[in-house]
Amino acid sequence: MIIKKQAKGSRRKAQGFFTLNLSPASKLPADLDTPNPEINAIWRKEAQKRWQAYKAGELKTVSYEAVMQKYQ
């Protein structure tokens, strides 16, 4: 993301307003959508660890209703 000051040749030249120049999504690295087996294995282990802790009653849980009340 590039932020550049636009004032030259503009009606708002005296104000010197700012605009965002966002790069197109097509310029993002293609590997962002490619599954990474190493990262997937780490998440798999973490999910299993959390599931076991939940089943053993070792995790504090929050009801759906409580979460929705908090963010309304």
PDB file of N, CA and C in Angstrom:
ATOM      1  N   MET A   1       0.850  -1.155   0.000  1.00  0.00           N
ATOM      2  CA  MET A   1       0.000   0.000   0.000  1.00  0.00           C
ATOM      3  C   MET A   1       0.901   1.225   0.000  1.00  0.00           C
ATOM      4  N   ILE A   2       0.610   2.144  -0.860  1.00  0.00           N
ATOM      5  CA  ILE A   2       1.401   3.359  -0.963  1.00  0.00           C
ATOM      6  C   ILE A   2       0.495   4.542  -0.674  1.00  0.00           C
ATOM      7  N   ILE A   3       0.923   5.417   0.208  1.00  0.00           N
ATOM      8  CA  ILE A   3       0.181   6.643   0.472  1.00  0.00           C
ATOM      9  C   ILE A   3       0.973   7.768  -0.156  1.00  0.00           C
ATOM     10  N   LYS A   4       0.316   8.530  -0.989  1.00  0.00           N
ATOM     11  CA  LYS A   4       1.041   9.631  -1.614  1.00  0.00           C
ATOM     12  C   LYS A   4       0.240  10.917  -1.491  1.00  0.00           C
ATOM     13  N   LYS A   5       0.940  11.989  -1.391  1.00  0.00           N
ATOM     14  CA  LYS A   5       0.320  13.294  -1.260  1.00  0.00           C
ATOM     15  C   LYS A   5       0.052  13.824  -2.663  1.00  0.00           C
ATOM     16  N   GLN A   6      -1.198  14.183  -2.921  1.00  0.00           N
ATOM     17  CA  GLN A   6      -1.538  14.742  -4.224  1.00  0.00           C
ATOM     18  C   GLN A   6      -1.872  16.217  -4.044  1.00  0.00           C
ATOM     19  N   ALA A   7      -1.133  17.060  -4.686  1.00  0.00           N
ATOM     20  CA  ALA A   7      -1.425  18.479  -4.634  1.00  0.00           C
ATOM     21  C   ALA A   7      -1.170  19.113  -5.996  1.00  0.00           C
ATOM     22  N   LYS A   8      -0.240  18.571  -6.709  1.00  0.00           N
ATOM     23  CA  LYS A   8       0.187  19.106  -7.986  1.00  0.00           C
ATOM     24  C   LYS A   8      -0.942  19.031  -9.015  1.00  0.00           C
ATOM     25  N   GLY A   9      -1.302  20.164  -9.627  1.00  0.00           N
ATOM     26  CA  GLY A   9      -2.304  20.191 -10.677  1.00  0.00           C
ATOM     27  C   GLY A   9      -3.700  19.859 -10.184  1.00  0.00           C
ATOM     28  N   SER A  10      -3.973  20.049  -8.947  1.00  0.00           N
ATOM     29  CA  SER A  10      -5.262  19.701  -8.373  1.00  0.00           C
ATOM     30  C   SER A  10      -6.001  20.950  -7.943  1.00  0.00           C
ATOM     31  N   ARG A  11      -7.345  20.848  -7.928  1.00  0.00           N
ATOM     32  CA  ARG A  11      -8.142  21.966  -7.434  1.00  0.00           C
ATOM     33  C   ARG A  11      -7.884  22.171  -5.942  1.00  0.00           C
ATOM     34  N   ARG A  12      -7.507  21.113  -5.294  1.00  0.00           N
ATOM     35  CA  ARG A  12      -7.254  21.190  -3.853  1.00  0.00           C
ATOM     36  C   ARG A  12      -5.765  21.392  -3.572  1.00  0.00           C
ATOM     37  N   LYS A  13      -5.082  22.009  -4.491  1.00  0.00           N
ATOM     38  CA  LYS A  13      -3.637  22.174  -4.365  1.00  0.00           C
ATOM     39  C   LYS A  13      -3.253  22.817  -3.037  1.00  0.00           C
ATOM     40  N   ALA A  14      -3.978  23.808  -2.625  1.00  0.00           N
ATOM     41  CA  ALA A  14      -3.644  24.502  -1.385  1.00  0.00           C
ATOM     42  C   ALA A  14      -3.878  23.613  -0.170  1.00  0.00           C
ATOM     43  N   GLN A  15      -4.838  22.701  -0.260  1.00  0.00           N
ATOM     44  CA  GLN A  15      -5.151  21.839   0.872  1.00  0.00           C
ATOM     45  C   GLN A  15      -4.173  20.679   0.992  1.00  0.00           C
ATOM     46  N   GLY A  16      -3.598  20.226  -0.130  1.00  0.00           N
ATOM     47  CA  GLY A  16      -2.637  19.123  -0.106  1.00  0.00           C
ATOM     48  C   GLY A  16      -3.234  17.857   0.482  1.00  0.00           C
ATOM     49  N   PHE A  17      -4.354  17.379  -0.053  1.00  0.00           N
ATOM     50  CA  PHE A  17      -5.038  16.197   0.496  1.00  0.00           C
ATOM     51  C   PHE A  17      -4.266  14.925   0.194  1.00  0.00           C
ATOM     52  N   PHE A  18      -4.583  13.880   0.973  1.00  0.00           N
ATOM     53  CA  PHE A  18      -3.911  12.596   0.835  1.00  0.00           C
ATOM     54  C   PHE A  18      -4.847  11.570   0.208  1.00  0.00           C
ATOM     55  N   THR A  19      -4.292  10.662  -0.601  1.00  0.00           N
ATOM     56  CA  THR A  19      -5.072   9.570  -1.175  1.00  0.00           C
ATOM     57  C   THR A  19      -4.300   8.272  -0.986  1.00  0.00           C
ATOM     58  N   LEU A  20      -5.030   7.166  -1.018  1.00  0.00           N
ATOM     59  CA  LEU A  20      -4.402   5.849  -0.931  1.00  0.00           C
ATOM     60  C   LEU A  20      -4.262   5.278  -2.334  1.00  0.00           C
ATOM     61  N   ASN A  21      -3.123   4.727  -2.610  1.00  0.00           N
ATOM     62  CA  ASN A  21      -2.891   4.058  -3.885  1.00  0.00           C
ATOM     63  C   ASN A  21      -2.688   2.579  -3.560  1.00  0.00           C
ATOM     64  N   LEU A  22      -3.736   1.767  -3.729  1.00  0.00           N
ATOM     65  CA  LEU A  22      -3.663   0.349  -3.390  1.00  0.00           C
ATOM     66  C   LEU A  22      -3.245  -0.470  -4.600  1.00  0.00           C
ATOM     67  N   SER A  23      -2.320  -1.374  -4.382  1.00  0.00           N
ATOM     68  CA  SER A  23      -1.884  -2.256  -5.461  1.00  0.00           C
ATOM     69  C   SER A  23      -2.979  -3.273  -5.749  1.00  0.00           C
ATOM     70  N   PRO A  24      -3.156  -3.672  -7.004  1.00  0.00           N
ATOM     71  CA  PRO A  24      -4.173  -4.676  -7.332  1.00  0.00           C
ATOM     72  C   PRO A  24      -3.877  -6.019  -6.666  1.00  0.00           C
ATOM     73  N   ALA A  25      -4.932  -6.724  -6.328  1.00  0.00           N
ATOM     74  CA  ALA A  25      -4.784  -8.025  -5.675  1.00  0.00           C
ATOM     75  C   ALA A  25      -4.007  -9.009  -6.545  1.00  0.00           C
ATOM     76  N   SER A  26      -4.049  -8.809  -7.837  1.00  0.00           N
ATOM     77  CA  SER A  26      -3.350  -9.731  -8.734  1.00  0.00           C
ATOM     78  C   SER A  26      -1.829  -9.695  -8.530  1.00  0.00           C
ATOM     79  N   LYS A  27      -1.329  -8.667  -7.873  1.00  0.00           N
ATOM     80  CA  LYS A  27       0.105  -8.575  -7.632  1.00  0.00           C
ATOM     81  C   LYS A  27       0.535  -9.331  -6.371  1.00  0.00           C
ATOM     82  N   LEU A  28      -0.439  -9.847  -5.612  1.00  0.00           N
ATOM     83  CA  LEU A  28      -0.097 -10.609  -4.415  1.00  0.00           C
ATOM     84  C   LEU A  28       0.573 -11.917  -4.813  1.00  0.00           C
ATOM     85  N   PRO A  29       1.458 -12.412  -3.989  1.00  0.00           N
ATOM     86  CA  PRO A  29       2.111 -13.687  -4.316  1.00  0.00           C
ATOM     87  C   PRO A  29       1.095 -14.815  -4.446  1.00  0.00           C
ATOM     88  N   ALA A  30       1.257 -15.623  -5.452  1.00  0.00           N
ATOM     89  CA  ALA A  30       0.336 -16.727  -5.716  1.00  0.00           C
ATOM     90  C   ALA A  30       0.357 -17.767  -4.605  1.00  0.00           C
ATOM     91  N   ASP A  31       1.461 -17.870  -3.885  1.00  0.00           N
ATOM     92  CA  ASP A  31       1.570 -18.894  -2.850  1.00  0.00           C
ATOM     93  C   ASP A  31       0.715 -18.613  -1.617  1.00  0.00           C
ATOM     94  N   LEU A  32       0.071 -17.445  -1.548  1.00  0.00           N
ATOM     95  CA  LEU A  32      -0.823 -17.169  -0.424  1.00  0.00           C
ATOM     96  C   LEU A  32      -2.033 -18.097  -0.428  1.00  0.00           C
ATOM     97  N   ASP A  33      -2.442 -18.553  -1.609  1.00  0.00           N
ATOM     98  CA  ASP A  33      -3.581 -19.463  -1.726  1.00  0.00           C
ATOM     99  C   ASP A  33      -3.170 -20.930  -1.738  1.00  0.00           C
ATOM    100  N   THR A  34      -1.892 -21.187  -1.755  1.00  0.00           N
ATOM    101  CA  THR A  34      -1.393 -22.562  -1.812  1.00  0.00           C
ATOM    102  C   THR A  34      -1.289 -23.130  -0.401  1.00  0.00           C
ATOM    103  N   PRO A  35      -1.909 -24.295  -0.148  1.00  0.00           N
ATOM    104  CA  PRO A  35      -1.804 -24.896   1.181  1.00  0.00           C
ATOM    105  C   PRO A  35      -0.348 -25.164   1.560  1.00  0.00           C
ATOM    106  N   ASN A  36      -0.030 -24.944   2.809  1.00  0.00           N
ATOM    107  CA  ASN A  36       1.313 -25.181   3.315  1.00  0.00           C
ATOM    108  C   ASN A  36       1.234 -26.358   4.288  1.00  0.00           C
ATOM    109  N   PRO A  37       1.749 -27.520   3.907  1.00  0.00           N
ATOM    110  CA  PRO A  37       1.647 -28.705   4.752  1.00  0.00           C
ATOM    111  C   PRO A  37       2.233 -28.514   6.148  1.00  0.00           C
ATOM    112  N   GLU A  38       3.303 -27.758   6.268  1.00  0.00           N
ATOM    113  CA  GLU A  38       3.933 -27.532   7.570  1.00  0.00           C
ATOM    114  C   GLU A  38       2.994 -26.737   8.493  1.00  0.00           C
ATOM    115  N   ILE A  39       2.421 -25.678   7.965  1.00  0.00           N
ATOM    116  CA  ILE A  39       1.493 -24.861   8.752  1.00  0.00           C
ATOM    117  C   ILE A  39       0.227 -25.654   9.066  1.00  0.00           C
ATOM    118  N   ASN A  40      -0.274 -26.407   8.104  1.00  0.00           N
ATOM    119  CA  ASN A  40      -1.466 -27.233   8.336  1.00  0.00           C
ATOM    120  C   ASN A  40      -1.221 -28.245   9.451  1.00  0.00           C
ATOM    121  N   ALA A  41      -0.022 -28.836   9.499  1.00  0.00           N
ATOM    122  CA  ALA A  41       0.309 -29.806  10.546  1.00  0.00           C
ATOM    123  C   ALA A  41       0.338 -29.136  11.920  1.00  0.00           C
ATOM    124  N   ILE A  42       0.869 -27.931  11.982  1.00  0.00           N
ATOM    125  CA  ILE A  42       0.920 -27.184  13.241  1.00  0.00           C
ATOM    126  C   ILE A  42      -0.496 -26.889  13.729  1.00  0.00           C
ATOM    127  N   TRP A  43      -1.369 -26.438  12.817  1.00  0.00           N
ATOM    128  CA  TRP A  43      -2.757 -26.141  13.196  1.00  0.00           C
ATOM    129  C   TRP A  43      -3.510 -27.412  13.577  1.00  0.00           C
ATOM    130  N   ARG A  44      -3.235 -28.495  12.896  1.00  0.00           N
ATOM    131  CA  ARG A  44      -3.884 -29.768  13.225  1.00  0.00           C
ATOM    132  C   ARG A  44      -3.563 -30.174  14.661  1.00  0.00           C
ATOM    133  N   LYS A  45      -2.270 -30.082  15.028  1.00  0.00           N
ATOM    134  CA  LYS A  45      -1.850 -30.421  16.395  1.00  0.00           C
ATOM    135  C   LYS A  45      -2.507 -29.485  17.414  1.00  0.00           C
ATOM    136  N   GLU A  46      -2.555 -28.207  17.087  1.00  0.00           N
ATOM    137  CA  GLU A  46      -3.165 -27.235  17.998  1.00  0.00           C
ATOM    138  C   GLU A  46      -4.655 -27.516  18.177  1.00  0.00           C
ATOM    139  N   ALA A  47      -5.345 -27.816  17.085  1.00  0.00           N
ATOM    140  CA  ALA A  47      -6.778 -28.124  17.157  1.00  0.00           C
ATOM    141  C   ALA A  47      -7.019 -29.371  18.005  1.00  0.00           C
ATOM    142  N   GLN A  48      -6.188 -30.388  17.826  1.00  0.00           N
ATOM    143  CA  GLN A  48      -6.330 -31.613  18.619  1.00  0.00           C
ATOM    144  C   GLN A  48      -6.079 -31.334  20.102  1.00  0.00           C
ATOM    145  N   LYS A  49      -5.070 -30.524  20.386  1.00  0.00           N
ATOM    146  CA  LYS A  49      -4.747 -30.168  21.765  1.00  0.00           C
ATOM    147  C   LYS A  49      -5.919 -29.419  22.407  1.00  0.00           C
ATOM    148  N   ARG A  50      -6.504 -28.470  21.680  1.00  0.00           N
ATOM    149  CA  ARG A  50      -7.637 -27.701  22.210  1.00  0.00           C
ATOM    150  C   ARG A  50      -8.861 -28.586  22.403  1.00  0.00           C
ATOM    151  N   TRP A  51      -9.116 -29.506  21.465  1.00  0.00           N
ATOM    152  CA  TRP A  51     -10.265 -30.402  21.569  1.00  0.00           C
ATOM    153  C   TRP A  51     -10.129 -31.307  22.803  1.00  0.00           C
ATOM    154  N   GLN A  52      -8.940 -31.835  23.004  1.00  0.00           N
ATOM    155  CA  GLN A  52      -8.706 -32.684  24.179  1.00  0.00           C
ATOM    156  C   GLN A  52      -8.889 -31.885  25.477  1.00  0.00           C
ATOM    157  N   ALA A  53      -8.406 -30.670  25.518  1.00  0.00           N
ATOM    158  CA  ALA A  53      -8.565 -29.826  26.699  1.00  0.00           C
ATOM    159  C   ALA A  53     -10.040 -29.505  26.934  1.00  0.00           C
ATOM    160  N   TYR A  54     -10.769 -29.269  25.874  1.00  0.00           N
ATOM    161  CA  TYR A  54     -12.209 -29.000  25.992  1.00  0.00           C
ATOM    162  C   TYR A  54     -12.934 -30.215  26.560  1.00  0.00           C
ATOM    163  N   LYS A  55     -12.649 -31.385  25.980  1.00  0.00           N
ATOM    164  CA  LYS A  55     -13.306 -32.610  26.449  1.00  0.00           C
ATOM    165  C   LYS A  55     -12.961 -32.925  27.904  1.00  0.00           C
ATOM    166  N   ALA A  56     -11.769 -32.555  28.337  1.00  0.00           N
ATOM    167  CA  ALA A  56     -11.335 -32.824  29.710  1.00  0.00           C
ATOM    168  C   ALA A  56     -11.827 -31.750  30.687  1.00  0.00           C
ATOM    169  N   GLY A  57     -12.538 -30.738  30.164  1.00  0.00           N
ATOM    170  CA  GLY A  57     -13.052 -29.668  31.020  1.00  0.00           C
ATOM    171  C   GLY A  57     -11.987 -28.693  31.478  1.00  0.00           C
ATOM    172  N   GLU A  58     -10.899 -28.609  30.755  1.00  0.00           N
ATOM    173  CA  GLU A  58      -9.783 -27.743  31.136  1.00  0.00           C
ATOM    174  C   GLU A  58      -9.844 -26.361  30.496  1.00  0.00           C
ATOM    175  N   LEU A  59     -10.826 -26.142  29.644  1.00  0.00           N
ATOM    176  CA  LEU A  59     -10.956 -24.848  28.971  1.00  0.00           C
ATOM    177  C   LEU A  59     -12.188 -24.118  29.473  1.00  0.00           C
ATOM    178  N   LYS A  60     -12.044 -22.812  29.650  1.00  0.00           N
ATOM    179  CA  LYS A  60     -13.192 -21.988  29.979  1.00  0.00           C
ATOM    180  C   LYS A  60     -13.954 -21.752  28.671  1.00  0.00           C
ATOM    181  N   THR A  61     -15.252 -21.976  28.696  1.00  0.00           N
ATOM    182  CA  THR A  61     -16.046 -21.757  27.496  1.00  0.00           C
ATOM    183  C   THR A  61     -16.977 -20.572  27.702  1.00  0.00           C
ATOM    184  N   VAL A  62     -17.402 -19.995  26.593  1.00  0.00           N
ATOM    185  CA  VAL A  62     -18.319 -18.859  26.597  1.00  0.00           C
ATOM    186  C   VAL A  62     -19.471 -19.207  25.678  1.00  0.00           C
ATOM    187  N   SER A  63     -20.680 -18.981  26.143  1.00  0.00           N
ATOM    188  CA  SER A  63     -21.845 -19.321  25.324  1.00  0.00           C
ATOM    189  C   SER A  63     -21.969 -18.379  24.128  1.00  0.00           C
ATOM    190  N   TYR A  64     -22.641 -18.854  23.118  1.00  0.00           N
ATOM    191  CA  TYR A  64     -22.910 -18.051  21.924  1.00  0.00           C
ATOM    192  C   TYR A  64     -23.644 -16.769  22.321  1.00  0.00           C
ATOM    193  N   GLU A  65     -24.632 -16.891  23.187  1.00  0.00           N
ATOM    194  CA  GLU A  65     -25.433 -15.748  23.607  1.00  0.00           C
ATOM    195  C   GLU A  65     -24.564 -14.682  24.283  1.00  0.00           C
ATOM    196  N   ALA A  66     -23.630 -15.118  25.126  1.00  0.00           N
ATOM    197  CA  ALA A  66     -22.740 -14.171  25.805  1.00  0.00           C
ATOM    198  C   ALA A  66     -21.862 -13.422  24.802  1.00  0.00           C
ATOM    199  N   VAL A  67     -21.371 -14.119  23.820  1.00  0.00           N
ATOM    200  CA  VAL A  67     -20.543 -13.495  22.798  1.00  0.00           C
ATOM    201  C   VAL A  67     -21.367 -12.479  22.004  1.00  0.00           C
ATOM    202  N   MET A  68     -22.577 -12.863  21.615  1.00  0.00           N
ATOM    203  CA  MET A  68     -23.426 -11.961  20.841  1.00  0.00           C
ATOM    204  C   MET A  68     -23.819 -10.734  21.646  1.00  0.00           C
ATOM    205  N   GLN A  69     -24.074 -10.881  22.929  1.00  0.00           N
ATOM    206  CA  GLN A  69     -24.406  -9.737  23.775  1.00  0.00           C
ATOM    207  C   GLN A  69     -23.231  -8.762  23.854  1.00  0.00           C
ATOM    208  N   LYS A  70     -22.054  -9.293  23.947  1.00  0.00           N
ATOM    209  CA  LYS A  70     -20.867  -8.448  24.074  1.00  0.00           C
ATOM    210  C   LYS A  70     -20.665  -7.551  22.852  1.00  0.00           C
ATOM    211  N   TYR A  71     -20.985  -8.066  21.675  1.00  0.00           N
ATOM    212  CA  TYR A  71     -20.685  -7.341  20.444  1.00  0.00           C
ATOM    213  C   TYR A  71     -21.903  -6.700  19.776  1.00  0.00           C
ATOM    214  N   GLN A  72     -22.990  -6.582  20.499  1.00  0.00           N
ATOM    215  CA  GLN A  72     -24.163  -5.898  19.916  1.00  0.00           C
ATOM    216  C   GLN A  72     -24.128  -4.435  20.210  1.00  0.00           C
TER     217      GLN A  72
END
